[in-house]
Amino acid sequence: MRYERRADILVYKGQERPCRTLAWWCTKCGEAIFAGKPLLARDRAFQQLKADVDQVLGPDEVAQVREKLRLSQRRAGEVLGGGPRAFQKYESGKQTVSVPMSNLLRLLARDPSRLREIASGHPRSPARHAGRRAA
């Protein structure tokens, strides 16, 4: 086995994308063992390919929209769905965003003011209680 950077091909739903990858490569069969940062980089590249093929937002695009909405990763997961760690997974490339979540983020990117409507129904939102009167 040799630890070196080689050309690799990522494949998803019949679509291929070249990727140069650092790994332990078998000199006989060409199989590879990925670990550490190179494994994370390869996984992120695969998630980007998957996002492109499925026509959903990729990790960087999810982060850009979330930042535009001025939400922490935790708060985005609470308000928009997916749970407290969902956006950490989307943005790190560990998980691809779903089509519905991608569509929601695209809509909010075009009109961030709509976030108030969504957040107003969330328990930790001050806007939820703004219209109520004291009994």
Protein backbone atom coordinates (compact mmCIF):
# COMPACT_ATOMS: atom_id res chain seq x y z
CA MET A 1 0.00 0.00 0.00
CA ARG A 2 1.11 3.53 -0.72
CA TYR A 3 -0.08 6.72 0.92
CA GLU A 4 -0.48 9.15 -1.93
CA ARG A 5 -2.88 11.44 -3.80
CA ARG A 6 -4.54 9.79 -6.77
CA ALA A 7 -7.36 10.42 -9.18
CA ASP A 8 -10.62 8.99 -7.88
CA ILE A 9 -14.11 8.97 -9.36
CA LEU A 10 -17.14 9.77 -7.23
CA VAL A 11 -20.36 8.19 -8.54
CA TYR A 12 -23.97 8.98 -7.61
CA LYS A 13 -27.07 7.95 -9.60
CA GLY A 14 -24.96 7.30 -12.68
CA GLN A 15 -23.27 10.71 -12.51
CA GLU A 16 -19.51 10.81 -12.13
CA ARG A 17 -17.16 13.48 -10.83
CA PRO A 18 -13.36 13.27 -10.71
CA CYS A 19 -11.73 13.86 -7.35
CA ARG A 20 -8.07 13.79 -6.39
CA THR A 21 -7.89 11.96 -3.09
CA LEU A 22 -5.17 11.32 -0.54
CA ALA A 23 -5.42 7.76 0.80
CA TRP A 24 -3.70 4.44 1.31
CA TRP A 25 -3.85 2.84 -2.15
CA CYS A 26 -3.30 -0.87 -2.82
CA THR A 27 -0.59 -1.25 -5.46
CA LYS A 28 -2.17 -4.50 -6.74
CA CYS A 29 -5.93 -3.88 -6.95
CA GLY A 30 -6.23 -0.07 -6.71
CA GLU A 31 -8.59 -0.17 -3.70
CA ALA A 32 -8.15 2.63 -1.18
CA ILE A 33 -8.45 3.19 2.55
CA PHE A 34 -9.51 6.73 3.46
CA ALA A 35 -9.02 8.29 6.89
CA GLY A 36 -8.91 11.60 8.72
CA LYS A 37 -9.13 14.92 6.88
CA PRO A 38 -8.86 13.35 3.40
CA LEU A 39 -11.88 11.16 4.24
CA LEU A 40 -13.86 14.21 5.37
CA ALA A 41 -12.88 16.11 2.21
CA ARG A 42 -13.95 13.17 0.03
CA ASP A 43 -17.26 12.86 1.90
CA ARG A 44 -17.90 16.58 1.44
CA ALA A 45 -17.14 16.32 -2.28
CA PHE A 46 -19.56 13.39 -2.52
CA GLN A 47 -22.28 15.33 -0.69
CA GLN A 48 -21.77 18.22 -3.14
CA LEU A 49 -22.11 15.81 -6.09
CA LYS A 50 -25.28 14.39 -4.52
CA ALA A 51 -26.67 17.90 -4.00
CA ASP A 52 -25.91 18.84 -7.61
CA VAL A 53 -27.54 15.68 -9.00
CA ASP A 54 -30.60 15.99 -6.72
CA GLN A 55 -30.75 19.76 -7.39
CA VAL A 56 -30.66 20.75 -3.72
CA LEU A 57 -28.46 23.23 -1.90
CA GLY A 58 -24.92 22.14 -1.11
CA PRO A 59 -23.14 22.60 2.24
CA ASP A 60 -21.78 26.08 1.46
CA GLU A 61 -25.11 27.31 0.10
CA VAL A 62 -26.97 26.09 3.20
CA ALA A 63 -24.49 28.00 5.39
CA GLN A 64 -24.86 31.17 3.29
CA VAL A 65 -28.66 31.14 3.59
CA ARG A 66 -28.57 30.41 7.32
CA GLU A 67 -26.12 33.26 7.89
CA LYS A 68 -28.26 35.58 5.76
CA LEU A 69 -31.18 34.72 8.05
CA ARG A 70 -28.96 35.46 11.08
CA LEU A 71 -29.66 32.09 12.68
CA SER A 72 -27.25 29.89 14.58
CA GLN A 73 -27.06 26.30 13.39
CA ARG A 74 -28.99 25.16 16.47
CA ARG A 75 -31.71 27.79 16.07
CA ALA A 76 -32.10 27.04 12.35
CA GLY A 77 -32.70 23.38 13.18
CA GLU A 78 -35.22 24.28 15.86
CA VAL A 79 -37.19 26.78 13.77
CA LEU A 80 -36.92 25.28 10.27
CA GLY A 81 -36.83 21.62 11.27
CA GLY A 82 -34.40 18.77 11.47
CA GLY A 83 -33.38 19.19 15.09
CA PRO A 84 -30.57 21.01 16.88
CA ARG A 85 -27.70 19.36 14.95
CA ALA A 86 -29.26 19.21 11.46
CA PHE A 87 -27.58 22.34 10.12
CA GLN A 88 -24.21 21.32 11.51
CA LYS A 89 -24.56 18.10 9.49
CA TYR A 90 -25.76 19.88 6.34
CA GLU A 91 -22.97 22.46 6.45
CA SER A 92 -20.20 20.02 7.27
CA GLY A 93 -21.21 17.78 4.37
CA LYS A 94 -22.13 14.85 6.58
CA GLN A 95 -25.73 14.89 5.37
CA THR A 96 -27.39 16.26 2.25
CA VAL A 97 -30.30 18.62 2.79
CA SER A 98 -33.69 17.26 1.71
CA VAL A 99 -35.58 18.63 -1.29
CA PRO A 100 -38.27 20.24 0.93
CA MET A 101 -35.65 21.86 3.21
CA SER A 102 -33.72 23.06 0.18
CA ASN A 103 -36.89 24.60 -1.27
CA LEU A 104 -37.68 26.29 2.06
CA LEU A 105 -34.17 27.74 2.30
CA ARG A 106 -34.34 29.02 -1.29
CA LEU A 107 -37.64 30.76 -0.55
CA LEU A 108 -36.29 32.30 2.65
CA ALA A 109 -33.13 33.43 0.84
CA ARG A 110 -35.33 35.38 -1.59
CA ASP A 111 -37.54 36.82 1.16
CA PRO A 112 -35.94 36.64 4.64
CA SER A 113 -38.89 38.53 6.15
CA ARG A 114 -40.96 35.32 5.82
CA LEU A 115 -38.86 33.79 8.61
CA ARG A 116 -40.95 35.76 11.13
CA GLU A 117 -44.05 33.83 10.05
CA ILE A 118 -42.33 30.52 10.66
CA ALA A 119 -40.64 31.59 13.89
CA SER A 120 -43.85 33.06 15.31
CA GLY A 121 -45.20 29.57 15.86
CA HIS A 122 -42.04 28.34 17.58
CA PRO A 123 -42.07 28.18 21.41
CA ARG A 124 -38.89 30.25 21.98
CA SER A 125 -39.93 33.06 19.66
CA PRO A 126 -40.80 36.46 21.18
CA ALA A 127 -43.04 37.16 18.18
CA ARG A 128 -45.34 34.31 19.23
CA HIS A 129 -46.48 36.15 22.33
CA ALA A 130 -46.41 39.68 20.92
CA GLY A 131 -50.12 39.81 20.04
CA ARG A 132 -51.45 38.27 23.26
CA ARG A 133 -52.92 40.27 26.10
CA ALA A 134 -52.45 39.58 29.75
CA ALA A 135 -55.46 37.88 31.33
